[in-house]
């Protein structure tokens, strides 16, 4: 049970990191477009 819980926690952390990277890229694109327009 403990191992499964640990892997689940690591998996959600990994997903959270990917989401954070996507948000950063989206913000950069949004700011870039805002400056151009």
Protein backbone atom coordinates (compact mmCIF):
# COMPACT_ATOMS: atom_id res chain seq x y z
CA UNK A 1 0.00 0.00 0.00
CA UNK A 2 2.82 2.40 0.92
CA UNK A 3 4.66 1.81 -2.36
CA UNK A 4 1.51 2.43 -4.40
CA UNK A 5 0.82 5.66 -2.50
CA UNK A 6 4.40 6.83 -3.07
CA UNK A 7 4.28 6.15 -6.82
CA UNK A 8 0.90 7.91 -7.04
CA UNK A 9 2.35 10.96 -5.25
CA UNK A 10 5.38 10.98 -7.57
CA UNK A 11 3.10 10.68 -10.59
CA UNK A 12 0.91 13.61 -9.56
CA UNK A 13 4.04 15.69 -8.86
CA UNK A 14 5.33 14.84 -12.36
CA UNK A 15 2.00 15.88 -13.92
CA UNK A 16 2.04 19.10 -11.87
CA UNK A 17 5.54 19.89 -13.18
CA UNK A 18 4.44 19.33 -16.80
CA UNK A 19 1.41 21.60 -16.23
CA UNK A 20 3.66 24.28 -14.72
CA UNK A 21 5.97 24.14 -17.77
CA UNK A 22 2.99 24.44 -20.15
CA UNK A 23 1.63 27.42 -18.19
CA UNK A 24 5.05 29.14 -18.35
CA UNK A 25 5.21 28.66 -22.12
CA UNK A 26 1.64 29.92 -22.54
CA UNK A 27 2.41 33.00 -20.43
CA UNK A 28 5.55 33.74 -22.50
CA UNK A 29 3.55 33.49 -25.75
CA UNK A 30 0.74 35.63 -24.29
CA UNK A 31 3.17 38.35 -23.12
CA UNK A 32 5.01 38.24 -26.46
CA UNK A 33 1.74 38.69 -28.41
CA UNK A 34 0.62 41.45 -26.02
CA UNK A 35 3.89 43.36 -26.65
CA UNK A 36 3.58 42.92 -30.44
CA UNK A 37 -0.05 44.09 -30.49
